[in-house]
């Protein structure tokens, strides 16, 4: 089955969403740990918010991770689906 045929099935998208959601959550957690590790250890939520989400930064923070997660999910499911 080719990629073009796979993306037309509901099963493909169901699996892509499951994998992408899990990868998205992991990617967000890892990114927060990398960007604000010392602030997280200090329980300084205001600094974490300011650094990652304030002034429209949340759009860039989540959109890049969402796109990466969807591409990763499509790639993994395409590779493993028969």
C-alpha atoms as a PDB file:
ATOM      1  CA  UNK A   1       0.000   0.000   0.000  1.00  0.00           C
ATOM      2  CA  UNK A   2       1.427   3.371  -0.975  1.00  0.00           C
ATOM      3  CA  UNK A   3       1.522   6.454   1.221  1.00  0.00           C
ATOM      4  CA  UNK A   4      -1.183   8.139  -0.882  1.00  0.00           C
ATOM      5  CA  UNK A   5      -3.494   5.165  -0.302  1.00  0.00           C
ATOM      6  CA  UNK A   6      -2.730   5.032   3.417  1.00  0.00           C
ATOM      7  CA  UNK A   7      -3.595   8.683   4.084  1.00  0.00           C
ATOM      8  CA  UNK A   8      -7.069   8.111   2.671  1.00  0.00           C
ATOM      9  CA  UNK A   9      -7.959   5.632   5.414  1.00  0.00           C
ATOM     10  CA  UNK A  10      -9.435   6.538   8.783  1.00  0.00           C
ATOM     11  CA  UNK A  11      -7.331   3.909  10.551  1.00  0.00           C
ATOM     12  CA  UNK A  12      -4.143   5.645   9.426  1.00  0.00           C
ATOM     13  CA  UNK A  13      -5.237   8.992  10.878  1.00  0.00           C
ATOM     14  CA  UNK A  14      -6.473   7.381  14.092  1.00  0.00           C
ATOM     15  CA  UNK A  15      -3.035   5.860  14.660  1.00  0.00           C
ATOM     16  CA  UNK A  16      -1.257   9.059  13.606  1.00  0.00           C
ATOM     17  CA  UNK A  17      -3.219  11.081  16.161  1.00  0.00           C
ATOM     18  CA  UNK A  18      -2.478   8.595  18.934  1.00  0.00           C
ATOM     19  CA  UNK A  19       1.258   8.558  18.233  1.00  0.00           C
ATOM     20  CA  UNK A  20       1.409  12.311  17.625  1.00  0.00           C
ATOM     21  CA  UNK A  21      -0.390  13.146  20.859  1.00  0.00           C
ATOM     22  CA  UNK A  22       1.981  11.043  22.932  1.00  0.00           C
ATOM     23  CA  UNK A  23       5.025  12.458  21.139  1.00  0.00           C
ATOM     24  CA  UNK A  24       3.663  16.006  21.520  1.00  0.00           C
ATOM     25  CA  UNK A  25       3.291  15.638  25.289  1.00  0.00           C
ATOM     26  CA  UNK A  26       6.795  14.178  25.601  1.00  0.00           C
ATOM     27  CA  UNK A  27       8.250  16.901  23.390  1.00  0.00           C
ATOM     28  CA  UNK A  28       6.599  19.671  25.420  1.00  0.00           C
ATOM     29  CA  UNK A  29       7.853  18.210  28.696  1.00  0.00           C
ATOM     30  CA  UNK A  30      11.392  17.758  27.386  1.00  0.00           C
ATOM     31  CA  UNK A  31      11.417  21.265  25.910  1.00  0.00           C
ATOM     32  CA  UNK A  32      10.263  22.783  29.181  1.00  0.00           C
ATOM     33  CA  UNK A  33      12.934  20.875  31.052  1.00  0.00           C
ATOM     34  CA  UNK A  34      15.644  22.009  28.645  1.00  0.00           C
ATOM     35  CA  UNK A  35      14.504  25.649  28.482  1.00  0.00           C
ATOM     36  CA  UNK A  36      13.656  26.184  32.145  1.00  0.00           C
ATOM     37  CA  UNK A  37      15.252  23.426  34.200  1.00  0.00           C
ATOM     38  CA  UNK A  38      16.545  25.657  36.992  1.00  0.00           C
ATOM     39  CA  UNK A  39      13.243  27.543  37.227  1.00  0.00           C
ATOM     40  CA  UNK A  40      11.319  24.270  37.428  1.00  0.00           C
ATOM     41  CA  UNK A  41      13.572  23.042  40.230  1.00  0.00           C
ATOM     42  CA  UNK A  42      12.930  26.290  42.104  1.00  0.00           C
ATOM     43  CA  UNK A  43       9.163  25.921  41.483  1.00  0.00           C
ATOM     44  CA  UNK A  44       9.210  29.394  39.914  1.00  0.00           C
ATOM     45  CA  UNK A  45       6.191  29.074  37.648  1.00  0.00           C
ATOM     46  CA  UNK A  46       6.181  32.789  36.851  1.00  0.00           C
ATOM     47  CA  UNK A  47       9.674  32.553  35.324  1.00  0.00           C
ATOM     48  CA  UNK A  48       8.706  29.460  33.330  1.00  0.00           C
ATOM     49  CA  UNK A  49       5.605  31.244  32.058  1.00  0.00           C
ATOM     50  CA  UNK A  50       7.502  34.405  31.167  1.00  0.00           C
ATOM     51  CA  UNK A  51      10.277  32.567  29.374  1.00  0.00           C
ATOM     52  CA  UNK A  52       8.139  30.134  27.367  1.00  0.00           C
ATOM     53  CA  UNK A  53       4.574  31.416  27.046  1.00  0.00           C
ATOM     54  CA  UNK A  54       4.269  35.188  27.649  1.00  0.00           C
ATOM     55  CA  UNK A  55       3.881  37.808  24.896  1.00  0.00           C
ATOM     56  CA  UNK A  56       2.717  35.356  22.242  1.00  0.00           C
ATOM     57  CA  UNK A  57       5.636  32.949  22.701  1.00  0.00           C
ATOM     58  CA  UNK A  58       3.150  30.171  23.378  1.00  0.00           C
ATOM     59  CA  UNK A  59       2.128  30.178  19.704  1.00  0.00           C
ATOM     60  CA  UNK A  60       5.662  29.491  18.514  1.00  0.00           C
ATOM     61  CA  UNK A  61       6.308  27.080  21.405  1.00  0.00           C
ATOM     62  CA  UNK A  62       3.298  24.863  20.710  1.00  0.00           C
ATOM     63  CA  UNK A  63       3.026  25.221  16.916  1.00  0.00           C
ATOM     64  CA  UNK A  64       6.534  23.957  16.204  1.00  0.00           C
ATOM     65  CA  UNK A  65       6.034  20.994  18.505  1.00  0.00           C
ATOM     66  CA  UNK A  66       2.638  20.242  16.989  1.00  0.00           C
ATOM     67  CA  UNK A  67       4.021  20.232  13.442  1.00  0.00           C
ATOM     68  CA  UNK A  68       7.003  18.088  14.440  1.00  0.00           C
ATOM     69  CA  UNK A  69       4.684  15.660  16.257  1.00  0.00           C
ATOM     70  CA  UNK A  70       2.329  15.287  13.290  1.00  0.00           C
ATOM     71  CA  UNK A  71       5.189  14.708  10.855  1.00  0.00           C
ATOM     72  CA  UNK A  72       6.749  12.174  13.222  1.00  0.00           C
ATOM     73  CA  UNK A  73       3.421  10.379  13.704  1.00  0.00           C
ATOM     74  CA  UNK A  74       2.800  10.183   9.964  1.00  0.00           C
ATOM     75  CA  UNK A  75       6.308   8.894   9.344  1.00  0.00           C
ATOM     76  CA  UNK A  76       6.137   6.212  12.052  1.00  0.00           C
ATOM     77  CA  UNK A  77       2.672   4.983  11.108  1.00  0.00           C
ATOM     78  CA  UNK A  78       3.493   4.976   7.385  1.00  0.00           C
ATOM     79  CA  UNK A  79       6.585   2.914   8.089  1.00  0.00           C
ATOM     80  CA  UNK A  80       4.800   0.399  10.334  1.00  0.00           C
ATOM     81  CA  UNK A  81       1.410   0.088   8.602  1.00  0.00           C
ATOM     82  CA  UNK A  82       0.930  -2.666   6.057  1.00  0.00           C
END
